[in-house]
Structures are given as structure tokens and as C-alpha cells.
Amino acid sequence: TLKTLSGDEIPRALFPLMYRFYENTCDKFGWWGSKYLTKRF
């Protein structure tokens, strides 16, 4: 099931989770993965 969440609807836990998804996607492309953003961001 797909859910669209915006603003205050978004649980805080989704932000560090989004970093993990971003990190995993970038890692798939190795050197070309363009992983520039930190978890803290």
C-alpha cells in the first residue's frame, strides 16, 4: 500500500530511514553513486 505523507503527517523516524534508503541506492552504483548528503542532513 502506498501512502503520501507531508509536513506534520511524517513520523520523525522516517527521516533517518530515508537516509538509509538514500545510502543504499547510492551504494548500488559504487563510485558513480553520488552519495553527498550526510545522515545528519
PDB file of all heavy atoms in Angstrom:
ATOM      1  N   THR A   1       0.853  -1.183   0.000  1.00  0.00           N
ATOM      2  CA  THR A   1       0.000   0.000   0.000  1.00  0.00           C
ATOM      3  C   THR A   1       0.890   1.234   0.000  1.00  0.00           C
ATOM      4  O   THR A   1       1.849   1.309   0.772  1.00  0.00           O
ATOM      5  CB  THR A   1      -0.904   0.031   1.244  1.00  0.00           C
ATOM      6  OG1 THR A   1      -1.751  -1.118   1.228  1.00  0.00           O
ATOM      7  CG2 THR A   1      -1.755   1.295   1.278  1.00  0.00           C
ATOM      8  N   LEU A   2       0.584   2.206  -0.862  1.00  0.00           N
ATOM      9  CA  LEU A   2       1.373   3.434  -0.929  1.00  0.00           C
ATOM     10  C   LEU A   2       0.664   4.551  -0.171  1.00  0.00           C
ATOM     11  O   LEU A   2      -0.546   4.749  -0.323  1.00  0.00           O
ATOM     12  CB  LEU A   2       1.592   3.854  -2.385  1.00  0.00           C
ATOM     13  CG  LEU A   2       2.284   2.846  -3.297  1.00  0.00           C
ATOM     14  CD1 LEU A   2       2.581   3.478  -4.651  1.00  0.00           C
ATOM     15  CD2 LEU A   2       3.570   2.328  -2.676  1.00  0.00           C
ATOM     16  N   LYS A   3       1.433   5.257   0.639  1.00  0.00           N
ATOM     17  CA  LYS A   3       0.902   6.393   1.387  1.00  0.00           C
ATOM     18  C   LYS A   3       1.752   7.623   1.112  1.00  0.00           C
ATOM     19  O   LYS A   3       2.984   7.539   1.096  1.00  0.00           O
ATOM     20  CB  LYS A   3       0.899   6.099   2.887  1.00  0.00           C
ATOM     21  CG  LYS A   3      -0.049   4.977   3.296  1.00  0.00           C
ATOM     22  CD  LYS A   3      -0.066   4.801   4.809  1.00  0.00           C
ATOM     23  CE  LYS A   3      -1.009   3.676   5.220  1.00  0.00           C
ATOM     24  NZ  LYS A   3      -1.048   3.502   6.691  1.00  0.00           N
ATOM     25  N   THR A   4       1.081   8.738   0.907  1.00  0.00           N
ATOM     26  CA  THR A   4       1.760  10.013   0.703  1.00  0.00           C
ATOM     27  C   THR A   4       1.640  10.830   1.986  1.00  0.00           C
ATOM     28  O   THR A   4       0.537  11.098   2.450  1.00  0.00           O
ATOM     29  CB  THR A   4       1.150  10.781  -0.477  1.00  0.00           C
ATOM     30  OG1 THR A   4       1.169   9.942  -1.640  1.00  0.00           O
ATOM     31  CG2 THR A   4       1.931  12.040  -0.767  1.00  0.00           C
ATOM     32  N   LEU A   5       2.791  11.197   2.542  1.00  0.00           N
ATOM     33  CA  LEU A   5       2.833  11.900   3.824  1.00  0.00           C
ATOM     34  C   LEU A   5       3.563  13.219   3.638  1.00  0.00           C
ATOM     35  O   LEU A   5       4.619  13.272   3.003  1.00  0.00           O
ATOM     36  CB  LEU A   5       3.565  11.052   4.870  1.00  0.00           C
ATOM     37  CG  LEU A   5       3.021   9.642   5.107  1.00  0.00           C
ATOM     38  CD1 LEU A   5       4.018   8.815   5.914  1.00  0.00           C
ATOM     39  CD2 LEU A   5       1.674   9.699   5.819  1.00  0.00           C
ATOM     40  N   SER A   6       3.019  14.280   4.207  1.00  0.00           N
ATOM     41  CA  SER A   6       3.657  15.587   4.068  1.00  0.00           C
ATOM     42  C   SER A   6       3.640  16.326   5.395  1.00  0.00           C
ATOM     43  O   SER A   6       2.763  16.117   6.236  1.00  0.00           O
ATOM     44  CB  SER A   6       2.954  16.433   2.999  1.00  0.00           C
ATOM     45  OG  SER A   6       1.602  16.673   3.344  1.00  0.00           O
ATOM     46  N   GLY A   7       4.640  17.207   5.578  1.00  0.00           N
ATOM     47  CA  GLY A   7       4.675  18.083   6.736  1.00  0.00           C
ATOM     48  C   GLY A   7       4.564  17.353   8.060  1.00  0.00           C
ATOM     49  O   GLY A   7       5.283  16.381   8.327  1.00  0.00           O
ATOM     50  N   ASP A   8       3.639  17.792   8.883  1.00  0.00           N
ATOM     51  CA  ASP A   8       3.482  17.230  10.223  1.00  0.00           C
ATOM     52  C   ASP A   8       2.919  15.814  10.219  1.00  0.00           C
ATOM     53  O   ASP A   8       2.911  15.146  11.263  1.00  0.00           O
ATOM     54  CB  ASP A   8       2.573  18.134  11.067  1.00  0.00           C
ATOM     55  CG  ASP A   8       3.238  19.463  11.407  1.00  0.00           C
ATOM     56  OD1 ASP A   8       4.490  19.524  11.357  1.00  0.00           O
ATOM     57  OD2 ASP A   8       2.520  20.436  11.702  1.00  0.00           O
ATOM     58  N   GLU A   9       2.459  15.329   9.063  1.00  0.00           N
ATOM     59  CA  GLU A   9       1.990  13.940   8.982  1.00  0.00           C
ATOM     60  C   GLU A   9       3.149  12.948   9.048  1.00  0.00           C
ATOM     61  O   GLU A   9       2.933  11.767   9.331  1.00  0.00           O
ATOM     62  CB  GLU A   9       1.256  13.699   7.652  1.00  0.00           C
ATOM     63  CG  GLU A   9       0.022  14.543   7.431  1.00  0.00           C
ATOM     64  CD  GLU A   9      -0.535  14.357   6.032  1.00  0.00           C
ATOM     65  OE1 GLU A   9       0.229  13.929   5.132  1.00  0.00           O
ATOM     66  OE2 GLU A   9      -1.727  14.640   5.839  1.00  0.00           O
ATOM     67  N   ILE A  10       4.364  13.406   8.798  1.00  0.00           N
ATOM     68  CA  ILE A  10       5.502  12.499   8.648  1.00  0.00           C
ATOM     69  C   ILE A  10       6.068  12.132  10.017  1.00  0.00           C
ATOM     70  O   ILE A  10       6.487  13.012  10.774  1.00  0.00           O
ATOM     71  CB  ILE A  10       6.618  13.146   7.804  1.00  0.00           C
ATOM     72  CG1 ILE A  10       6.066  13.618   6.463  1.00  0.00           C
ATOM     73  CG2 ILE A  10       7.758  12.161   7.598  1.00  0.00           C
ATOM     74  CD1 ILE A  10       7.067  14.421   5.643  1.00  0.00           C
ATOM     75  N   PRO A  11       6.110  10.849  10.362  1.00  0.00           N
ATOM     76  CA  PRO A  11       6.756  10.445  11.619  1.00  0.00           C
ATOM     77  C   PRO A  11       8.243  10.790  11.587  1.00  0.00           C
ATOM     78  O   PRO A  11       8.899  10.689  10.553  1.00  0.00           O
ATOM     79  CB  PRO A  11       6.547   8.926  11.655  1.00  0.00           C
ATOM     80  CG  PRO A  11       5.443   8.641  10.694  1.00  0.00           C
ATOM     81  CD  PRO A  11       5.534   9.693   9.643  1.00  0.00           C
ATOM     82  N   ARG A  12       8.765  11.198  12.731  1.00  0.00           N
ATOM     83  CA  ARG A  12      10.183  11.578  12.805  1.00  0.00           C
ATOM     84  C   ARG A  12      11.099  10.445  12.343  1.00  0.00           C
ATOM     85  O   ARG A  12      12.147  10.669  11.719  1.00  0.00           O
ATOM     86  CB  ARG A  12      10.517  11.972  14.248  1.00  0.00           C
ATOM     87  CG  ARG A  12      11.896  12.586  14.400  1.00  0.00           C
ATOM     88  CD  ARG A  12      12.235  12.922  15.843  1.00  0.00           C
ATOM     89  NE  ARG A  12      13.355  13.854  15.900  1.00  0.00           N
ATOM     90  CZ  ARG A  12      13.314  15.075  16.365  1.00  0.00           C
ATOM     91  NH1 ARG A  12      12.164  15.561  16.833  1.00  0.00           N
ATOM     92  NH2 ARG A  12      14.381  15.856  16.373  1.00  0.00           N
ATOM     93  N   ALA A  13      10.696   9.203  12.622  1.00  0.00           N
ATOM     94  CA  ALA A  13      11.547   8.048  12.301  1.00  0.00           C
ATOM     95  C   ALA A  13      11.793   7.890  10.804  1.00  0.00           C
ATOM     96  O   ALA A  13      12.760   7.229  10.398  1.00  0.00           O
ATOM     97  CB  ALA A  13      10.912   6.774  12.855  1.00  0.00           C
ATOM     98  N   LEU A  14      10.948   8.484   9.955  1.00  0.00           N
ATOM     99  CA  LEU A  14      11.120   8.322   8.524  1.00  0.00           C
ATOM    100  C   LEU A  14      12.319   9.108   7.978  1.00  0.00           C
ATOM    101  O   LEU A  14      12.842   8.777   6.911  1.00  0.00           O
ATOM    102  CB  LEU A  14       9.853   8.736   7.778  1.00  0.00           C
ATOM    103  CG  LEU A  14       8.631   7.826   7.939  1.00  0.00           C
ATOM    104  CD1 LEU A  14       7.572   8.165   6.909  1.00  0.00           C
ATOM    105  CD2 LEU A  14       9.006   6.350   7.843  1.00  0.00           C
ATOM    106  N   PHE A  15      12.759  10.130   8.696  1.00  0.00           N
ATOM    107  CA  PHE A  15      13.874  10.939   8.181  1.00  0.00           C
ATOM    108  C   PHE A  15      15.206  10.185   8.229  1.00  0.00           C
ATOM    109  O   PHE A  15      15.904  10.116   7.208  1.00  0.00           O
ATOM    110  CB  PHE A  15      13.925  12.279   8.896  1.00  0.00           C
ATOM    111  CG  PHE A  15      12.819  13.211   8.474  1.00  0.00           C
ATOM    112  CD1 PHE A  15      11.558  13.133   9.067  1.00  0.00           C
ATOM    113  CD2 PHE A  15      13.017  14.131   7.463  1.00  0.00           C
ATOM    114  CE1 PHE A  15      10.528  13.969   8.660  1.00  0.00           C
ATOM    115  CE2 PHE A  15      11.988  14.969   7.046  1.00  0.00           C
ATOM    116  CZ  PHE A  15      10.735  14.888   7.645  1.00  0.00           C
ATOM    117  N   PRO A  16      15.608   9.603   9.362  1.00  0.00           N
ATOM    118  CA  PRO A  16      16.822   8.771   9.313  1.00  0.00           C
ATOM    119  C   PRO A  16      16.655   7.534   8.437  1.00  0.00           C
ATOM    120  O   PRO A  16      17.627   7.066   7.827  1.00  0.00           O
ATOM    121  CB  PRO A  16      17.069   8.404  10.779  1.00  0.00           C
ATOM    122  CG  PRO A  16      15.785   8.646  11.490  1.00  0.00           C
ATOM    123  CD  PRO A  16      15.099   9.733  10.735  1.00  0.00           C
ATOM    124  N   LEU A  17      15.430   7.013   8.344  1.00  0.00           N
ATOM    125  CA  LEU A  17      15.203   5.879   7.453  1.00  0.00           C
ATOM    126  C   LEU A  17      15.406   6.292   5.998  1.00  0.00           C
ATOM    127  O   LEU A  17      15.970   5.525   5.204  1.00  0.00           O
ATOM    128  CB  LEU A  17      13.793   5.329   7.651  1.00  0.00           C
ATOM    129  CG  LEU A  17      13.389   4.163   6.743  1.00  0.00           C
ATOM    130  CD1 LEU A  17      14.319   2.966   6.937  1.00  0.00           C
ATOM    131  CD2 LEU A  17      11.934   3.759   6.992  1.00  0.00           C
ATOM    132  N   MET A  18      14.979   7.512   5.656  1.00  0.00           N
ATOM    133  CA  MET A  18      15.184   7.990   4.288  1.00  0.00           C
ATOM    134  C   MET A  18      16.668   8.068   3.973  1.00  0.00           C
ATOM    135  O   MET A  18      17.079   7.777   2.844  1.00  0.00           O
ATOM    136  CB  MET A  18      14.531   9.367   4.105  1.00  0.00           C
ATOM    137  CG  MET A  18      14.540   9.855   2.655  1.00  0.00           C
ATOM    138  SD  MET A  18      13.537   8.838   1.540  1.00  0.00           S
ATOM    139  CE  MET A  18      14.758   8.271   0.349  1.00  0.00           C
ATOM    140  N   TYR A  19      17.495   8.422   4.956  1.00  0.00           N
ATOM    141  CA  TYR A  19      18.941   8.418   4.720  1.00  0.00           C
ATOM    142  C   TYR A  19      19.422   7.007   4.381  1.00  0.00           C
ATOM    143  O   TYR A  19      20.239   6.828   3.474  1.00  0.00           O
ATOM    144  CB  TYR A  19      19.704   8.941   5.936  1.00  0.00           C
ATOM    145  CG  TYR A  19      21.197   8.721   5.777  1.00  0.00           C
ATOM    146  CD1 TYR A  19      21.938   9.528   4.918  1.00  0.00           C
ATOM    147  CD2 TYR A  19      21.840   7.668   6.431  1.00  0.00           C
ATOM    148  CE1 TYR A  19      23.300   9.305   4.724  1.00  0.00           C
ATOM    149  CE2 TYR A  19      23.204   7.445   6.242  1.00  0.00           C
ATOM    150  CZ  TYR A  19      23.922   8.266   5.396  1.00  0.00           C
ATOM    151  OH  TYR A  19      25.268   8.031   5.197  1.00  0.00           O
ATOM    152  N   ARG A  20      18.923   5.998   5.090  1.00  0.00           N
ATOM    153  CA  ARG A  20      19.365   4.627   4.815  1.00  0.00           C
ATOM    154  C   ARG A  20      18.951   4.195   3.413  1.00  0.00           C
ATOM    155  O   ARG A  20      19.724   3.539   2.699  1.00  0.00           O
ATOM    156  CB  ARG A  20      18.821   3.674   5.882  1.00  0.00           C
ATOM    157  CG  ARG A  20      19.402   3.912   7.264  1.00  0.00           C
ATOM    158  CD  ARG A  20      19.259   2.704   8.164  1.00  0.00           C
ATOM    159  NE  ARG A  20      17.880   2.416   8.505  1.00  0.00           N
ATOM    160  CZ  ARG A  20      17.234   2.980   9.521  1.00  0.00           C
ATOM    161  NH1 ARG A  20      17.842   3.879  10.278  1.00  0.00           N
ATOM    162  NH2 ARG A  20      15.986   2.649   9.780  1.00  0.00           N
ATOM    163  N   PHE A  21      17.737   4.561   3.011  1.00  0.00           N
ATOM    164  CA  PHE A  21      17.314   4.251   1.644  1.00  0.00           C
ATOM    165  C   PHE A  21      18.207   4.968   0.628  1.00  0.00           C
ATOM    166  O   PHE A  21      18.643   4.381  -0.375  1.00  0.00           O
ATOM    167  CB  PHE A  21      15.852   4.658   1.428  1.00  0.00           C
ATOM    168  CG  PHE A  21      14.847   3.753   2.086  1.00  0.00           C
ATOM    169  CD1 PHE A  21      13.715   4.273   2.696  1.00  0.00           C
ATOM    170  CD2 PHE A  21      15.015   2.381   2.095  1.00  0.00           C
ATOM    171  CE1 PHE A  21      12.773   3.448   3.299  1.00  0.00           C
ATOM    172  CE2 PHE A  21      14.084   1.538   2.691  1.00  0.00           C
ATOM    173  CZ  PHE A  21      12.959   2.081   3.298  1.00  0.00           C
ATOM    174  N   TYR A  22      18.468   6.241   0.865  1.00  0.00           N
ATOM    175  CA  TYR A  22      19.343   7.034   0.000  1.00  0.00           C
ATOM    176  C   TYR A  22      20.734   6.432  -0.070  1.00  0.00           C
ATOM    177  O   TYR A  22      21.316   6.271  -1.157  1.00  0.00           O
ATOM    178  CB  TYR A  22      19.375   8.461   0.559  1.00  0.00           C
ATOM    179  CG  TYR A  22      20.522   9.332   0.125  1.00  0.00           C
ATOM    180  CD1 TYR A  22      20.531   9.945  -1.124  1.00  0.00           C
ATOM    181  CD2 TYR A  22      21.593   9.588   0.994  1.00  0.00           C
ATOM    182  CE1 TYR A  22      21.574  10.781  -1.508  1.00  0.00           C
ATOM    183  CE2 TYR A  22      22.639  10.425   0.615  1.00  0.00           C
ATOM    184  CZ  TYR A  22      22.624  11.012  -0.632  1.00  0.00           C
ATOM    185  OH  TYR A  22      23.662  11.844  -0.995  1.00  0.00           O
ATOM    186  N   GLU A  23      21.267   6.038   1.070  1.00  0.00           N
ATOM    187  CA  GLU A  23      22.589   5.439   1.131  1.00  0.00           C
ATOM    188  C   GLU A  23      22.634   4.132   0.353  1.00  0.00           C
ATOM    189  O   GLU A  23      23.569   3.876  -0.418  1.00  0.00           O
ATOM    190  CB  GLU A  23      22.964   5.208   2.595  1.00  0.00           C
ATOM    191  CG  GLU A  23      24.350   4.642   2.806  1.00  0.00           C
ATOM    192  CD  GLU A  23      24.662   4.451   4.280  1.00  0.00           C
ATOM    193  OE1 GLU A  23      23.766   3.950   5.016  1.00  0.00           O
ATOM    194  OE2 GLU A  23      25.783   4.783   4.692  1.00  0.00           O
ATOM    195  N   ASN A  24      21.615   3.297   0.527  1.00  0.00           N
ATOM    196  CA  ASN A  24      21.576   2.014  -0.179  1.00  0.00           C
ATOM    197  C   ASN A  24      21.514   2.206  -1.690  1.00  0.00           C
ATOM    198  O   ASN A  24      22.184   1.489  -2.457  1.00  0.00           O
ATOM    199  CB  ASN A  24      20.376   1.187   0.289  1.00  0.00           C
ATOM    200  CG  ASN A  24      20.532   0.680   1.708  1.00  0.00           C
ATOM    201  OD1 ASN A  24      21.636   0.641   2.252  1.00  0.00           O
ATOM    202  ND2 ASN A  24      19.433   0.310   2.332  1.00  0.00           N
ATOM    203  N   THR A  25      20.692   3.155  -2.127  1.00  0.00           N
ATOM    204  CA  THR A  25      20.573   3.407  -3.561  1.00  0.00           C
ATOM    205  C   THR A  25      21.898   3.894  -4.130  1.00  0.00           C
ATOM    206  O   THR A  25      22.341   3.440  -5.187  1.00  0.00           O
ATOM    207  CB  THR A  25      19.464   4.438  -3.828  1.00  0.00           C
ATOM    208  OG1 THR A  25      18.209   3.914  -3.368  1.00  0.00           O
ATOM    209  CG2 THR A  25      19.350   4.745  -5.313  1.00  0.00           C
ATOM    210  N   CYS A  26      22.548   4.821  -3.443  1.00  0.00           N
ATOM    211  CA  CYS A  26      23.836   5.339  -3.914  1.00  0.00           C
ATOM    212  C   CYS A  26      24.892   4.239  -3.951  1.00  0.00           C
ATOM    213  O   CYS A  26      25.681   4.145  -4.903  1.00  0.00           O
ATOM    214  CB  CYS A  26      24.312   6.483  -3.017  1.00  0.00           C
ATOM    215  SG  CYS A  26      23.319   7.982  -3.144  1.00  0.00           S
ATOM    216  N   ASP A  27      24.901   3.375  -2.932  1.00  0.00           N
ATOM    217  CA  ASP A  27      25.915   2.321  -2.854  1.00  0.00           C
ATOM    218  C   ASP A  27      25.801   1.334  -4.010  1.00  0.00           C
ATOM    219  O   ASP A  27      26.803   0.715  -4.407  1.00  0.00           O
ATOM    220  CB  ASP A  27      25.813   1.580  -1.523  1.00  0.00           C
ATOM    221  CG  ASP A  27      26.336   2.412  -0.355  1.00  0.00           C
ATOM    222  OD1 ASP A  27      26.986   3.444  -0.607  1.00  0.00           O
ATOM    223  OD2 ASP A  27      26.076   2.046   0.807  1.00  0.00           O
ATOM    224  N   LYS A  28      24.604   1.176  -4.552  1.00  0.00           N
ATOM    225  CA  LYS A  28      24.431   0.248  -5.671  1.00  0.00           C
ATOM    226  C   LYS A  28      25.233   0.668  -6.901  1.00  0.00           C
ATOM    227  O   LYS A  28      25.587  -0.163  -7.734  1.00  0.00           O
ATOM    228  CB  LYS A  28      22.948   0.147  -6.046  1.00  0.00           C
ATOM    229  CG  LYS A  28      22.096  -0.560  -5.017  1.00  0.00           C
ATOM    230  CD  LYS A  28      20.638  -0.558  -5.442  1.00  0.00           C
ATOM    231  CE  LYS A  28      19.748  -1.207  -4.389  1.00  0.00           C
ATOM    232  NZ  LYS A  28      18.319  -1.159  -4.783  1.00  0.00           N
ATOM    233  N   PHE A  29      25.507   1.976  -6.994  1.00  0.00           N
ATOM    234  CA  PHE A  29      26.197   2.484  -8.169  1.00  0.00           C
ATOM    235  C   PHE A  29      27.686   2.705  -7.928  1.00  0.00           C
ATOM    236  O   PHE A  29      28.378   3.255  -8.781  1.00  0.00           O
ATOM    237  CB  PHE A  29      25.540   3.789  -8.632  1.00  0.00           C
ATOM    238  CG  PHE A  29      24.125   3.600  -9.100  1.00  0.00           C
ATOM    239  CD1 PHE A  29      23.059   3.800  -8.242  1.00  0.00           C
ATOM    240  CD2 PHE A  29      23.865   3.195 -10.397  1.00  0.00           C
ATOM    241  CE1 PHE A  29      21.756   3.613  -8.664  1.00  0.00           C
ATOM    242  CE2 PHE A  29      22.563   3.010 -10.830  1.00  0.00           C
ATOM    243  CZ  PHE A  29      21.508   3.213  -9.964  1.00  0.00           C
ATOM    244  N   GLY A  30      28.169   2.285  -6.760  1.00  0.00           N
ATOM    245  CA  GLY A  30      29.592   2.359  -6.483  1.00  0.00           C
ATOM    246  C   GLY A  30      30.125   3.775  -6.586  1.00  0.00           C
ATOM    247  O   GLY A  30      29.562   4.711  -6.021  1.00  0.00           O
ATOM    248  N   TRP A  31      31.216   3.927  -7.354  1.00  0.00           N
ATOM    249  CA  TRP A  31      31.873   5.223  -7.491  1.00  0.00           C
ATOM    250  C   TRP A  31      30.922   6.290  -8.036  1.00  0.00           C
ATOM    251  O   TRP A  31      31.034   7.473  -7.729  1.00  0.00           O
ATOM    252  CB  TRP A  31      33.077   5.077  -8.415  1.00  0.00           C
ATOM    253  CG  TRP A  31      33.745   6.388  -8.755  1.00  0.00           C
ATOM    254  CD1 TRP A  31      33.641   7.085  -9.918  1.00  0.00           C
ATOM    255  CD2 TRP A  31      34.616   7.156  -7.918  1.00  0.00           C
ATOM    256  NE1 TRP A  31      34.396   8.237  -9.875  1.00  0.00           N
ATOM    257  CE2 TRP A  31      35.009   8.303  -8.652  1.00  0.00           C
ATOM    258  CE3 TRP A  31      35.105   6.988  -6.623  1.00  0.00           C
ATOM    259  CZ2 TRP A  31      35.864   9.264  -8.135  1.00  0.00           C
ATOM    260  CZ3 TRP A  31      35.963   7.952  -6.106  1.00  0.00           C
ATOM    261  CH2 TRP A  31      36.334   9.075  -6.860  1.00  0.00           C
ATOM    262  N   TRP A  32      29.957   5.861  -8.873  1.00  0.00           N
ATOM    263  CA  TRP A  32      29.045   6.809  -9.511  1.00  0.00           C
ATOM    264  C   TRP A  32      27.788   7.027  -8.679  1.00  0.00           C
ATOM    265  O   TRP A  32      26.827   7.621  -9.150  1.00  0.00           O
ATOM    266  CB  TRP A  32      28.666   6.307 -10.905  1.00  0.00           C
ATOM    267  CG  TRP A  32      29.855   6.121 -11.784  1.00  0.00           C
ATOM    268  CD1 TRP A  32      30.456   4.952 -12.130  1.00  0.00           C
ATOM    269  CD2 TRP A  32      30.619   7.151 -12.415  1.00  0.00           C
ATOM    270  NE1 TRP A  32      31.543   5.171 -12.936  1.00  0.00           N
ATOM    271  CE2 TRP A  32      31.673   6.522 -13.130  1.00  0.00           C
ATOM    272  CE3 TRP A  32      30.524   8.545 -12.445  1.00  0.00           C
ATOM    273  CZ2 TRP A  32      32.603   7.243 -13.869  1.00  0.00           C
ATOM    274  CZ3 TRP A  32      31.460   9.254 -13.181  1.00  0.00           C
ATOM    275  CH2 TRP A  32      32.480   8.609 -13.876  1.00  0.00           C
ATOM    276  N   GLY A  33      27.783   6.578  -7.448  1.00  0.00           N
ATOM    277  CA  GLY A  33      26.569   6.634  -6.644  1.00  0.00           C
ATOM    278  C   GLY A  33      26.173   8.006  -6.168  1.00  0.00           C
ATOM    279  O   GLY A  33      25.041   8.215  -5.737  1.00  0.00           O
ATOM    280  N   SER A  34      27.076   8.971  -6.201  1.00  0.00           N
ATOM    281  CA  SER A  34      26.752  10.363  -5.854  1.00  0.00           C
ATOM    282  C   SER A  34      26.163  10.496  -4.462  1.00  0.00           C
ATOM    283  O   SER A  34      25.153  11.174  -4.266  1.00  0.00           O
ATOM    284  CB  SER A  34      25.782  10.960  -6.893  1.00  0.00           C
ATOM    285  OG  SER A  34      26.316  10.891  -8.188  1.00  0.00           O
ATOM    286  N   LYS A  35      26.806   9.854  -3.492  1.00  0.00           N
ATOM    287  CA  LYS A  35      26.323   9.968  -2.101  1.00  0.00           C
ATOM    288  C   LYS A  35      26.988  11.181  -1.467  1.00  0.00           C
ATOM    289  O   LYS A  35      28.109  11.117  -0.978  1.00  0.00           O
ATOM    290  CB  LYS A  35      26.632   8.690  -1.321  1.00  0.00           C
ATOM    291  CG  LYS A  35      26.037   8.699   0.086  1.00  0.00           C
ATOM    292  CD  LYS A  35      26.117   7.337   0.752  1.00  0.00           C
ATOM    293  CE  LYS A  35      27.525   6.903   0.991  1.00  0.00           C
ATOM    294  NZ  LYS A  35      27.604   5.604   1.690  1.00  0.00           N
ATOM    295  N   TYR A  36      26.283  12.283  -1.445  1.00  0.00           N
ATOM    296  CA  TYR A  36      26.834  13.546  -0.971  1.00  0.00           C
ATOM    297  C   TYR A  36      26.267  13.985   0.374  1.00  0.00           C
ATOM    298  O   TYR A  36      26.908  14.758   1.096  1.00  0.00           O
ATOM    299  CB  TYR A  36      26.568  14.656  -1.997  1.00  0.00           C
ATOM    300  CG  TYR A  36      27.128  14.370  -3.366  1.00  0.00           C
ATOM    301  CD1 TYR A  36      26.295  14.200  -4.465  1.00  0.00           C
ATOM    302  CD2 TYR A  36      28.504  14.266  -3.566  1.00  0.00           C
ATOM    303  CE1 TYR A  36      26.809  13.944  -5.728  1.00  0.00           C
ATOM    304  CE2 TYR A  36      29.031  14.001  -4.820  1.00  0.00           C
ATOM    305  CZ  TYR A  36      28.174  13.849  -5.903  1.00  0.00           C
ATOM    306  OH  TYR A  36      28.691  13.588  -7.142  1.00  0.00           O
ATOM    307  N   LEU A  37      25.078  13.555   0.704  1.00  0.00           N
ATOM    308  CA  LEU A  37      24.394  14.050   1.898  1.00  0.00           C
ATOM    309  C   LEU A  37      24.661  13.150   3.096  1.00  0.00           C
ATOM    310  O   LEU A  37      24.747  11.932   2.968  1.00  0.00           O
ATOM    311  CB  LEU A  37      22.885  14.135   1.643  1.00  0.00           C
ATOM    312  CG  LEU A  37      22.475  15.045   0.482  1.00  0.00           C
ATOM    313  CD1 LEU A  37      20.979  14.945   0.232  1.00  0.00           C
ATOM    314  CD2 LEU A  37      22.876  16.493   0.753  1.00  0.00           C
ATOM    315  N   THR A  38      24.748  13.759   4.270  1.00  0.00           N
ATOM    316  CA  THR A  38      25.009  13.016   5.497  1.00  0.00           C
ATOM    317  C   THR A  38      23.701  12.609   6.168  1.00  0.00           C
ATOM    318  O   THR A  38      22.623  13.160   5.879  1.00  0.00           O
ATOM    319  CB  THR A  38      25.830  13.871   6.478  1.00  0.00           C
ATOM    320  OG1 THR A  38      25.032  14.998   6.881  1.00  0.00           O
ATOM    321  CG2 THR A  38      27.124  14.362   5.840  1.00  0.00           C
ATOM    322  N   LYS A  39      23.824  11.671   7.086  1.00  0.00           N
ATOM    323  CA  LYS A  39      22.650  11.271   7.869  1.00  0.00           C
ATOM    324  C   LYS A  39      22.091  12.454   8.645  1.00  0.00           C
ATOM    325  O   LYS A  39      20.866  12.611   8.771  1.00  0.00           O
ATOM    326  CB  LYS A  39      23.026  10.134   8.826  1.00  0.00           C
ATOM    327  CG  LYS A  39      21.863   9.611   9.652  1.00  0.00           C
ATOM    328  CD  LYS A  39      22.310   8.484  10.570  1.00  0.00           C
ATOM    329  CE  LYS A  39      21.141   7.950  11.396  1.00  0.00           C
ATOM    330  NZ  LYS A  39      21.582   6.879  12.317  1.00  0.00           N
ATOM    331  N   ARG A  40      22.997  13.286   9.158  1.00  0.00           N
ATOM    332  CA  ARG A  40      22.556  14.447   9.929  1.00  0.00           C
ATOM    333  C   ARG A  40      21.691  15.379   9.088  1.00  0.00           C
ATOM    334  O   ARG A  40      20.748  15.989   9.599  1.00  0.00           O
ATOM    335  CB  ARG A  40      23.779  15.198  10.457  1.00  0.00           C
ATOM    336  CG  ARG A  40      23.445  16.363  11.382  1.00  0.00           C
ATOM    337  CD  ARG A  40      24.724  17.027  11.880  1.00  0.00           C
ATOM    338  NE  ARG A  40      24.431  18.182  12.698  1.00  0.00           N
ATOM    339  CZ  ARG A  40      25.335  19.068  13.096  1.00  0.00           C
ATOM    340  NH1 ARG A  40      26.615  18.903  12.757  1.00  0.00           N
ATOM    341  NH2 ARG A  40      24.985  20.097  13.828  1.00  0.00           N
ATOM    342  N   PHE A  41      21.993  15.492   7.786  1.00  0.00           N
ATOM    343  CA  PHE A  41      21.172  16.329   6.913  1.00  0.00           C
ATOM    344  C   PHE A  41      19.716  15.883   6.946  1.00  0.00           C
ATOM    345  O   PHE A  41      18.801  16.700   7.121  1.00  0.00           O
ATOM    346  CB  PHE A  41      21.704  16.287   5.479  1.00  0.00           C
ATOM    347  CG  PHE A  41      20.812  16.975   4.486  1.00  0.00           C
ATOM    348  CD1 PHE A  41      20.873  18.344   4.316  1.00  0.00           C
ATOM    349  CD2 PHE A  41      19.888  16.251   3.734  1.00  0.00           C
ATOM    350  CE1 PHE A  41      20.035  18.983   3.416  1.00  0.00           C
ATOM    351  CE2 PHE A  41      19.044  16.887   2.837  1.00  0.00           C
ATOM    352  CZ  PHE A  41      19.127  18.258   2.674  1.00  0.00           C
TER     353      PHE A  41
END
